Amino acid sequence: MVLAGCGQVGTTLLKLYPSQHFTATLKPESAHPERTTHIRELMHTTPSKTLCINLDKTADLARLASLGNRVIWLAPPSTPSTPSTPSTPSTHCALYRLGLAHTARRAQGFQAQLLQITYISTTGVYGDAAGNWIDERSVCNPQSERGKRRHAAETSLQGLVKRPGPPPKTLRT
């Protein structure tokens, strides 16, 4: 199983499931030696299981597609380049390219199962509920920039339903 992005939630998963075989990815700019060492210690594994991958590069996504058929996508959507742009399609594009790369590996004869993607979002997509209870049937009303970007990524992921394989799942933490 691949953790695409290994920040706070990723390290929590590593702590909660120490016997699970994970491959964790880090952005090259956040792969400080101390952080990488900490993640490797949590994984009880060799350096080859912690990879520096730029999730915006097609070649890196092709490499990621070769690592396993289950991806837990923890990386947040890119921060918009201008304040007037509330969201970017980067997460959708990256996941779509990942799906295409995985499909291409299958077409080349690799014994890969269909790609299962789980996208980890945030309850920030609901906005301020004024103390009321919310659940997955609640209407999304993101108010923070982070919540708006995550909601835009969730919405755009619906386009992945048309690719081969199971539809992506979204979990909100």
N, C-alpha and C. Protein backbone atom coordinates (compact mmCIF):
# COMPACT_ATOMS: atom_id res chain seq x y z
N MET A 1 0.85 -1.16 0.00
CA MET A 1 0.00 0.00 0.00
C MET A 1 0.90 1.23 0.00
N VAL A 2 0.52 2.22 -0.79
CA VAL A 2 1.32 3.43 -0.94
C VAL A 2 0.65 4.59 -0.22
N LEU A 3 1.41 5.31 0.58
CA LEU A 3 0.95 6.55 1.19
C LEU A 3 1.51 7.68 0.34
N ALA A 4 0.67 8.32 -0.45
CA ALA A 4 1.11 9.43 -1.29
C ALA A 4 1.04 10.70 -0.47
N GLY A 5 2.17 11.05 0.09
CA GLY A 5 2.24 12.16 1.03
C GLY A 5 2.25 11.58 2.43
N CYS A 6 3.23 11.92 3.21
CA CYS A 6 3.32 11.32 4.55
C CYS A 6 3.60 12.41 5.57
N GLY A 7 2.56 13.18 5.88
CA GLY A 7 2.63 14.21 6.91
C GLY A 7 2.11 13.65 8.22
N GLN A 8 1.34 14.45 8.93
CA GLN A 8 0.82 14.06 10.24
C GLN A 8 -0.10 12.83 10.15
N VAL A 9 -1.04 12.84 9.21
CA VAL A 9 -1.96 11.70 9.09
C VAL A 9 -1.21 10.45 8.65
N GLY A 10 -0.26 10.61 7.73
CA GLY A 10 0.53 9.47 7.27
C GLY A 10 1.33 8.84 8.40
N THR A 11 1.98 9.66 9.21
CA THR A 11 2.76 9.11 10.31
C THR A 11 1.84 8.46 11.35
N THR A 12 0.64 9.00 11.53
CA THR A 12 -0.33 8.36 12.43
C THR A 12 -0.71 6.98 11.91
N LEU A 13 -0.95 6.86 10.61
CA LEU A 13 -1.26 5.54 10.02
C LEU A 13 -0.11 4.56 10.25
N LEU A 14 1.12 5.04 10.08
CA LEU A 14 2.28 4.17 10.30
C LEU A 14 2.35 3.68 11.74
N LYS A 15 1.99 4.56 12.69
CA LYS A 15 2.00 4.18 14.10
C LYS A 15 0.88 3.21 14.44
N LEU A 16 -0.31 3.45 13.85
CA LEU A 16 -1.47 2.61 14.17
C LEU A 16 -1.40 1.22 13.53
N TYR A 17 -0.73 1.11 12.39
CA TYR A 17 -0.68 -0.16 11.66
C TYR A 17 0.77 -0.55 11.38
N PRO A 18 1.52 -0.87 12.43
CA PRO A 18 2.94 -1.17 12.24
C PRO A 18 3.22 -2.42 11.41
N SER A 19 2.27 -3.33 11.33
CA SER A 19 2.52 -4.56 10.56
C SER A 19 2.10 -4.42 9.09
N GLN A 20 1.46 -3.31 8.73
CA GLN A 20 1.05 -3.08 7.34
C GLN A 20 2.29 -2.73 6.51
N HIS A 21 2.37 -3.25 5.31
CA HIS A 21 3.50 -2.97 4.43
C HIS A 21 3.20 -1.71 3.62
N PHE A 22 3.73 -0.59 4.07
CA PHE A 22 3.53 0.69 3.40
C PHE A 22 4.77 1.09 2.61
N THR A 23 4.55 1.83 1.55
CA THR A 23 5.60 2.60 0.91
C THR A 23 5.15 4.04 1.04
N ALA A 24 5.99 4.89 1.63
CA ALA A 24 5.61 6.28 1.88
C ALA A 24 6.34 7.21 0.92
N THR A 25 5.65 8.25 0.48
CA THR A 25 6.28 9.24 -0.39
C THR A 25 6.34 10.58 0.32
N LEU A 26 7.37 11.31 0.03
CA LEU A 26 7.56 12.65 0.57
C LEU A 26 7.86 13.58 -0.59
N LYS A 27 7.43 14.84 -0.47
CA LYS A 27 7.81 15.83 -1.46
C LYS A 27 9.32 16.05 -1.31
N PRO A 28 10.03 16.19 -2.43
CA PRO A 28 11.48 16.40 -2.33
C PRO A 28 11.84 17.57 -1.40
N GLU A 29 11.06 18.65 -1.42
CA GLU A 29 11.40 19.81 -0.59
C GLU A 29 11.11 19.59 0.90
N SER A 30 10.33 18.56 1.25
CA SER A 30 10.04 18.31 2.67
C SER A 30 10.78 17.09 3.19
N ALA A 31 11.65 16.52 2.39
CA ALA A 31 12.35 15.29 2.77
C ALA A 31 13.63 15.60 3.54
N HIS A 32 13.49 16.30 4.66
CA HIS A 32 14.64 16.59 5.50
C HIS A 32 15.15 15.27 6.09
N PRO A 33 16.45 15.11 6.28
CA PRO A 33 16.99 13.84 6.79
C PRO A 33 16.34 13.37 8.08
N GLU A 34 16.05 14.30 9.03
CA GLU A 34 15.45 13.88 10.30
C GLU A 34 14.04 13.34 10.08
N ARG A 35 13.27 13.99 9.23
CA ARG A 35 11.90 13.56 8.93
C ARG A 35 11.90 12.21 8.24
N THR A 36 12.77 12.06 7.24
CA THR A 36 12.86 10.80 6.51
C THR A 36 13.27 9.67 7.46
N THR A 37 14.24 9.94 8.34
CA THR A 37 14.68 8.93 9.31
C THR A 37 13.53 8.54 10.23
N HIS A 38 12.76 9.53 10.71
CA HIS A 38 11.62 9.26 11.60
C HIS A 38 10.59 8.36 10.91
N ILE A 39 10.27 8.66 9.67
CA ILE A 39 9.29 7.85 8.95
C ILE A 39 9.82 6.44 8.74
N ARG A 40 11.08 6.31 8.39
CA ARG A 40 11.68 4.97 8.21
C ARG A 40 11.64 4.17 9.50
N GLU A 41 11.90 4.84 10.63
CA GLU A 41 11.84 4.15 11.91
C GLU A 41 10.42 3.66 12.20
N LEU A 42 9.42 4.47 11.89
CA LEU A 42 8.03 4.05 12.09
C LEU A 42 7.68 2.86 11.21
N MET A 43 8.27 2.81 10.02
CA MET A 43 7.96 1.74 9.07
C MET A 43 8.78 0.49 9.34
N HIS A 44 9.81 0.58 10.20
CA HIS A 44 10.68 -0.56 10.47
C HIS A 44 11.18 -1.15 9.15
N THR A 45 11.70 -0.31 8.30
CA THR A 45 12.02 -0.78 6.95
C THR A 45 13.30 -0.15 6.44
N THR A 46 13.64 -0.52 5.25
CA THR A 46 14.85 -0.03 4.61
C THR A 46 14.60 1.29 3.92
N PRO A 47 15.66 2.03 3.58
CA PRO A 47 15.46 3.32 2.91
C PRO A 47 14.70 3.22 1.59
N SER A 48 14.69 2.09 0.95
CA SER A 48 14.02 1.98 -0.34
C SER A 48 12.51 2.10 -0.24
N LYS A 49 11.96 2.03 0.95
CA LYS A 49 10.51 2.12 1.11
C LYS A 49 10.03 3.55 1.37
N THR A 50 10.96 4.50 1.47
CA THR A 50 10.61 5.90 1.62
C THR A 50 11.14 6.63 0.40
N LEU A 51 10.26 7.18 -0.40
CA LEU A 51 10.64 7.76 -1.67
C LEU A 51 10.35 9.25 -1.73
N CYS A 52 11.24 10.00 -2.37
CA CYS A 52 10.98 11.41 -2.64
C CYS A 52 10.37 11.48 -4.02
N ILE A 53 9.09 11.83 -4.07
CA ILE A 53 8.36 11.86 -5.33
C ILE A 53 7.63 13.18 -5.46
N ASN A 54 7.76 13.80 -6.62
CA ASN A 54 7.02 15.01 -6.92
C ASN A 54 5.70 14.58 -7.56
N LEU A 55 4.60 14.74 -6.84
CA LEU A 55 3.30 14.26 -7.30
C LEU A 55 2.74 15.06 -8.47
N ASP A 56 3.43 16.13 -8.85
CA ASP A 56 3.01 16.92 -10.01
C ASP A 56 3.73 16.51 -11.29
N LYS A 57 4.67 15.56 -11.20
CA LYS A 57 5.44 15.13 -12.38
C LYS A 57 4.96 13.77 -12.87
N THR A 58 4.67 13.70 -14.16
CA THR A 58 4.16 12.46 -14.76
C THR A 58 5.13 11.30 -14.56
N ALA A 59 6.43 11.54 -14.73
CA ALA A 59 7.41 10.46 -14.59
C ALA A 59 7.41 9.91 -13.17
N ASP A 60 7.30 10.79 -12.17
CA ASP A 60 7.25 10.32 -10.78
C ASP A 60 5.96 9.56 -10.50
N LEU A 61 4.85 10.00 -11.10
CA LEU A 61 3.59 9.28 -10.93
C LEU A 61 3.65 7.90 -11.56
N ALA A 62 4.36 7.78 -12.68
CA ALA A 62 4.53 6.47 -13.31
C ALA A 62 5.31 5.55 -12.37
N ARG A 63 6.31 6.11 -11.71
CA ARG A 63 7.07 5.33 -10.72
C ARG A 63 6.16 4.92 -9.56
N LEU A 64 5.35 5.85 -9.10
CA LEU A 64 4.41 5.56 -8.02
C LEU A 64 3.43 4.46 -8.42
N ALA A 65 2.98 4.49 -9.68
CA ALA A 65 2.03 3.48 -10.17
C ALA A 65 2.62 2.08 -10.14
N SER A 66 3.93 1.99 -10.16
CA SER A 66 4.57 0.67 -10.15
C SER A 66 4.72 0.10 -8.75
N LEU A 67 4.39 0.87 -7.74
CA LEU A 67 4.66 0.45 -6.36
C LEU A 67 3.54 -0.36 -5.72
N GLY A 68 2.35 -0.29 -6.25
CA GLY A 68 1.26 -1.03 -5.65
C GLY A 68 -0.07 -0.62 -6.23
N ASN A 69 -1.08 -1.42 -5.96
CA ASN A 69 -2.40 -1.15 -6.53
C ASN A 69 -3.33 -0.43 -5.55
N ARG A 70 -2.87 -0.14 -4.34
CA ARG A 70 -3.68 0.60 -3.39
C ARG A 70 -2.92 1.85 -2.98
N VAL A 71 -3.55 3.00 -3.21
CA VAL A 71 -2.92 4.28 -2.89
C VAL A 71 -3.83 5.04 -1.93
N ILE A 72 -3.26 5.46 -0.82
CA ILE A 72 -3.95 6.37 0.09
C ILE A 72 -3.35 7.74 -0.19
N TRP A 73 -4.16 8.63 -0.78
CA TRP A 73 -3.68 9.95 -1.21
C TRP A 73 -3.88 10.93 -0.07
N LEU A 74 -2.78 11.30 0.58
CA LEU A 74 -2.81 12.21 1.72
C LEU A 74 -2.34 13.62 1.36
N ALA A 75 -1.69 13.76 0.22
CA ALA A 75 -1.13 15.05 -0.18
C ALA A 75 -2.25 16.06 -0.41
N PRO A 76 -2.10 17.26 0.15
CA PRO A 76 -3.13 18.27 -0.04
C PRO A 76 -3.09 18.85 -1.45
N PRO A 77 -4.21 19.42 -1.90
CA PRO A 77 -4.19 20.11 -3.19
C PRO A 77 -3.20 21.28 -3.12
N SER A 78 -2.65 21.63 -4.26
CA SER A 78 -1.70 22.73 -4.32
C SER A 78 -2.35 24.03 -3.85
N THR A 79 -1.54 24.87 -3.24
CA THR A 79 -2.00 26.19 -2.86
C THR A 79 -2.17 27.01 -4.13
N PRO A 80 -3.27 27.72 -4.28
CA PRO A 80 -3.47 28.49 -5.51
C PRO A 80 -2.39 29.56 -5.67
N SER A 81 -2.10 29.88 -6.92
CA SER A 81 -1.07 30.86 -7.19
C SER A 81 -1.55 32.29 -6.95
N THR A 82 -2.86 32.50 -6.97
CA THR A 82 -3.40 33.84 -6.70
C THR A 82 -4.53 33.72 -5.68
N PRO A 83 -4.72 34.73 -4.86
CA PRO A 83 -5.81 34.67 -3.87
C PRO A 83 -7.19 34.56 -4.50
N SER A 84 -7.34 34.99 -5.75
CA SER A 84 -8.66 34.95 -6.38
C SER A 84 -8.98 33.56 -6.95
N THR A 85 -8.01 32.64 -6.91
CA THR A 85 -8.23 31.29 -7.41
C THR A 85 -8.43 30.37 -6.21
N PRO A 86 -9.67 29.96 -5.90
CA PRO A 86 -9.91 29.19 -4.68
C PRO A 86 -9.42 27.75 -4.75
N SER A 87 -9.24 27.22 -5.94
CA SER A 87 -8.82 25.82 -6.02
C SER A 87 -8.08 25.57 -7.32
N THR A 88 -7.36 24.47 -7.33
CA THR A 88 -6.67 24.05 -8.54
C THR A 88 -7.02 22.59 -8.79
N PRO A 89 -6.99 22.16 -10.03
CA PRO A 89 -7.31 20.77 -10.33
C PRO A 89 -6.11 19.84 -10.18
N SER A 90 -5.05 20.28 -9.48
CA SER A 90 -3.82 19.50 -9.45
C SER A 90 -4.01 18.09 -8.88
N THR A 91 -4.79 17.95 -7.82
CA THR A 91 -5.00 16.63 -7.23
C THR A 91 -5.71 15.72 -8.22
N HIS A 92 -6.76 16.22 -8.85
CA HIS A 92 -7.48 15.43 -9.84
C HIS A 92 -6.55 15.04 -10.98
N CYS A 93 -5.80 15.99 -11.50
CA CYS A 93 -4.90 15.70 -12.62
C CYS A 93 -3.86 14.67 -12.23
N ALA A 94 -3.27 14.83 -11.05
CA ALA A 94 -2.25 13.89 -10.60
C ALA A 94 -2.84 12.49 -10.44
N LEU A 95 -4.01 12.38 -9.83
CA LEU A 95 -4.61 11.06 -9.64
C LEU A 95 -5.03 10.45 -10.97
N TYR A 96 -5.50 11.28 -11.89
CA TYR A 96 -5.88 10.78 -13.20
C TYR A 96 -4.65 10.24 -13.93
N ARG A 97 -3.55 11.01 -13.88
CA ARG A 97 -2.31 10.54 -14.51
C ARG A 97 -1.79 9.28 -13.83
N LEU A 98 -1.95 9.20 -12.51
CA LEU A 98 -1.55 8.00 -11.80
C LEU A 98 -2.36 6.80 -12.29
N GLY A 99 -3.67 6.99 -12.43
CA GLY A 99 -4.53 5.92 -12.95
C GLY A 99 -4.13 5.50 -14.36
N LEU A 100 -3.82 6.47 -15.20
CA LEU A 100 -3.39 6.16 -16.57
C LEU A 100 -2.07 5.39 -16.57
N ALA A 101 -1.13 5.82 -15.72
CA ALA A 101 0.16 5.13 -15.65
C ALA A 101 -0.03 3.70 -15.18
N HIS A 102 -0.90 3.50 -14.22
CA HIS A 102 -1.16 2.15 -13.71
C HIS A 102 -1.82 1.29 -14.80
N THR A 103 -2.76 1.87 -15.52
CA THR A 103 -3.43 1.15 -16.61
C THR A 103 -2.42 0.79 -17.70
N ALA A 104 -1.50 1.70 -17.99
CA ALA A 104 -0.47 1.44 -19.01
C ALA A 104 0.41 0.27 -18.57
N ARG A 105 0.74 0.19 -17.29
CA ARG A 105 1.55 -0.94 -16.80
C ARG A 105 0.80 -2.26 -17.01
N ARG A 106 -0.50 -2.25 -16.76
CA ARG A 106 -1.30 -3.46 -16.99
C ARG A 106 -1.29 -3.83 -18.46
N ALA A 107 -1.41 -2.83 -19.34
CA ALA A 107 -1.43 -3.08 -20.79
C ALA A 107 -0.09 -3.63 -21.27
N GLN A 108 0.99 -3.29 -20.57
CA GLN A 108 2.31 -3.78 -20.96
C GLN A 108 2.57 -5.19 -20.45
N GLY A 109 1.59 -5.77 -19.78
CA GLY A 109 1.71 -7.15 -19.35
C GLY A 109 2.11 -7.33 -17.90
N PHE A 110 2.27 -6.25 -17.14
CA PHE A 110 2.58 -6.39 -15.73
C PHE A 110 1.36 -6.95 -15.02
N GLN A 111 1.59 -7.81 -14.06
CA GLN A 111 0.51 -8.44 -13.31
C GLN A 111 0.04 -7.51 -12.20
N ALA A 112 -0.58 -6.43 -12.58
CA ALA A 112 -1.06 -5.46 -11.61
C ALA A 112 -2.57 -5.52 -11.54
N GLN A 113 -3.09 -5.46 -10.32
CA GLN A 113 -4.53 -5.38 -10.15
C GLN A 113 -4.98 -3.96 -10.47
N LEU A 114 -6.28 -3.77 -10.60
CA LEU A 114 -6.80 -2.43 -10.83
C LEU A 114 -6.48 -1.53 -9.64
N LEU A 115 -6.23 -0.29 -9.93
CA LEU A 115 -5.79 0.68 -8.94
C LEU A 115 -6.95 1.14 -8.06
N GLN A 116 -6.78 1.03 -6.74
CA GLN A 116 -7.76 1.51 -5.77
C GLN A 116 -7.18 2.75 -5.09
N ILE A 117 -7.88 3.88 -5.22
CA ILE A 117 -7.43 5.14 -4.64
C ILE A 117 -8.37 5.54 -3.51
N THR A 118 -7.78 5.87 -2.36
CA THR A 118 -8.53 6.43 -1.25
C THR A 118 -7.99 7.83 -1.03
N TYR A 119 -8.85 8.83 -1.16
CA TYR A 119 -8.45 10.22 -1.01
C TYR A 119 -8.84 10.69 0.39
N ILE A 120 -7.86 11.20 1.13
CA ILE A 120 -8.12 11.68 2.48
C ILE A 120 -8.36 13.19 2.41
N SER A 121 -9.53 13.60 2.80
CA SER A 121 -9.92 15.01 2.76
C SER A 121 -10.03 15.52 4.19
N THR A 122 -10.85 16.53 4.40
CA THR A 122 -10.99 17.15 5.71
C THR A 122 -12.45 17.50 5.99
N THR A 123 -12.81 17.52 7.25
CA THR A 123 -14.16 17.94 7.60
C THR A 123 -14.34 19.44 7.38
N GLY A 124 -13.25 20.13 7.06
CA GLY A 124 -13.33 21.55 6.72
C GLY A 124 -14.20 21.82 5.51
N VAL A 125 -14.53 20.77 4.73
CA VAL A 125 -15.40 20.96 3.57
C VAL A 125 -16.83 21.30 4.00
N TYR A 126 -17.17 21.06 5.27
CA TYR A 126 -18.51 21.36 5.76
C TYR A 126 -18.64 22.82 6.22
N GLY A 127 -17.52 23.47 6.47
CA GLY A 127 -17.57 24.85 6.95
C GLY A 127 -17.97 24.91 8.41
N ASP A 128 -18.42 26.05 8.84
CA ASP A 128 -18.82 26.27 10.23
C ASP A 128 -20.23 25.74 10.43
N ALA A 129 -20.35 24.69 11.22
CA ALA A 129 -21.66 24.09 11.49
C ALA A 129 -22.32 24.70 12.72
N ALA A 130 -21.73 25.73 13.27
CA ALA A 130 -22.30 26.43 14.43
C ALA A 130 -22.63 25.48 15.58
N GLY A 131 -21.79 24.50 15.81
CA GLY A 131 -21.98 23.56 16.91
C GLY A 131 -22.92 22.42 16.61
N ASN A 132 -23.54 22.39 15.43
CA ASN A 132 -24.45 21.30 15.06
C ASN A 132 -23.64 20.07 14.63
N TRP A 133 -24.27 18.91 14.80
CA TRP A 133 -23.65 17.67 14.35
C TRP A 133 -23.64 17.62 12.83
N ILE A 134 -22.60 17.03 12.27
CA ILE A 134 -22.53 16.82 10.82
C ILE A 134 -22.20 15.36 10.55
N ASP A 135 -22.59 14.90 9.40
CA ASP A 135 -22.18 13.58 8.93
C ASP A 135 -22.01 13.66 7.42
N GLU A 136 -21.73 12.53 6.79
CA GLU A 136 -21.44 12.55 5.35
C GLU A 136 -22.62 12.99 4.49
N ARG A 137 -23.81 13.06 5.05
CA ARG A 137 -24.97 13.55 4.29
C ARG A 137 -25.13 15.06 4.40
N SER A 138 -24.35 15.69 5.28
CA SER A 138 -24.43 17.14 5.46
C SER A 138 -23.95 17.85 4.21
N VAL A 139 -24.54 19.01 3.98
CA VAL A 139 -24.18 19.82 2.81
C VAL A 139 -22.80 20.43 3.02
N CYS A 140 -21.97 20.34 1.99
CA CYS A 140 -20.65 20.96 2.05
C CYS A 140 -20.79 22.47 1.86
N ASN A 141 -20.10 23.20 2.70
CA ASN A 141 -20.11 24.66 2.62
C ASN A 141 -18.75 25.17 3.10
N PRO A 142 -17.67 24.82 2.38
CA PRO A 142 -16.35 25.20 2.87
C PRO A 142 -16.18 26.71 2.91
N GLN A 143 -15.54 27.18 3.97
CA GLN A 143 -15.33 28.62 4.12
C GLN A 143 -13.86 28.99 4.15
N SER A 144 -13.01 28.09 4.60
CA SER A 144 -11.57 28.37 4.60
C SER A 144 -11.00 28.02 3.23
N GLU A 145 -9.87 28.61 2.91
CA GLU A 145 -9.22 28.31 1.63
C GLU A 145 -8.85 26.83 1.55
N ARG A 146 -8.37 26.26 2.66
CA ARG A 146 -8.01 24.84 2.69
C ARG A 146 -9.23 23.97 2.41
N GLY A 147 -10.35 24.29 3.08
CA GLY A 147 -11.58 23.54 2.87
C GLY A 147 -12.08 23.65 1.44
N LYS A 148 -11.96 24.84 0.86
CA LYS A 148 -12.38 25.03 -0.54
C LYS A 148 -11.52 24.21 -1.49
N ARG A 149 -10.20 24.18 -1.25
CA ARG A 149 -9.31 23.38 -2.12
C ARG A 149 -9.62 21.89 -1.99
N ARG A 150 -9.83 21.42 -0.77
CA ARG A 150 -10.15 19.99 -0.57
C ARG A 150 -11.50 19.66 -1.21
N HIS A 151 -12.49 20.52 -1.07
CA HIS A 151 -13.79 20.26 -1.66
C HIS A 151 -13.68 20.24 -3.18
N ALA A 152 -12.93 21.16 -3.75
CA ALA A 152 -12.73 21.18 -5.21
C ALA A 152 -12.04 19.89 -5.67
N ALA A 153 -11.08 19.42 -4.89
CA ALA A 153 -10.40 18.16 -5.25
C ALA A 153 -11.37 16.98 -5.16
N GLU A 154 -12.18 16.93 -4.10
CA GLU A 154 -13.17 15.86 -3.97
C GLU A 154 -14.11 15.85 -5.18
N THR A 155 -14.62 17.03 -5.51
CA THR A 155 -15.57 17.15 -6.62
C THR A 155 -14.95 16.73 -7.94
N SER A 156 -13.72 17.16 -8.18
CA SER A 156 -13.07 16.84 -9.44
C SER A 156 -12.71 15.36 -9.54
N LEU A 157 -12.56 14.68 -8.41
CA LEU A 157 -12.23 13.25 -8.44
C LEU A 157 -13.36 12.40 -9.02
N GLN A 158 -14.55 12.96 -9.06
CA GLN A 158 -15.66 12.21 -9.64
C GLN A 158 -15.39 11.85 -11.10
N GLY A 159 -14.55 12.63 -11.77
CA GLY A 159 -14.17 12.32 -13.16
C GLY A 159 -13.36 11.05 -13.27
N LEU A 160 -12.78 10.60 -12.18
CA LEU A 160 -11.99 9.37 -12.21
C LEU A 160 -12.86 8.12 -12.29
N VAL A 161 -14.15 8.27 -12.07
CA VAL A 161 -15.05 7.12 -12.11
C VAL A 161 -15.00 6.46 -13.48
N LYS A 162 -14.72 7.23 -14.53
CA LYS A 162 -14.71 6.69 -15.88
C LYS A 162 -13.48 5.88 -16.21
N ARG A 163 -12.42 5.97 -15.40
CA ARG A 163 -11.21 5.20 -15.68
C ARG A 163 -11.42 3.75 -15.27
N PRO A 164 -10.58 2.85 -15.79
CA PRO A 164 -10.72 1.45 -15.38
C PRO A 164 -10.45 1.30 -13.89
N GLY A 165 -11.19 0.45 -13.26
CA GLY A 165 -10.95 0.17 -11.85
C GLY A 165 -12.06 0.69 -10.97
N PRO A 166 -11.94 0.39 -9.68
CA PRO A 166 -12.97 0.83 -8.74
C PRO A 166 -12.95 2.35 -8.58
N PRO A 167 -14.09 2.96 -8.30
CA PRO A 167 -14.11 4.42 -8.12
C PRO A 167 -13.31 4.80 -6.89
N PRO A 168 -12.75 6.01 -6.91
CA PRO A 168 -11.99 6.44 -5.72
C PRO A 168 -12.93 6.62 -4.53
N LYS A 169 -12.37 6.38 -3.34
CA LYS A 169 -13.12 6.58 -2.11
C LYS A 169 -12.59 7.85 -1.45
N THR A 170 -13.47 8.58 -0.78
CA THR A 170 -13.06 9.79 -0.07
C THR A 170 -13.38 9.62 1.40
N LEU A 171 -12.40 9.88 2.24
CA LEU A 171 -12.58 9.86 3.70
C LEU A 171 -12.24 11.24 4.22
N ARG A 172 -13.04 11.73 5.14
CA ARG A 172 -12.80 13.06 5.71
C ARG A 172 -12.37 12.91 7.16
N THR A 173 -11.25 13.55 7.49
CA THR A 173 -10.73 13.47 8.85
C THR A 173 -10.84 14.79 9.56
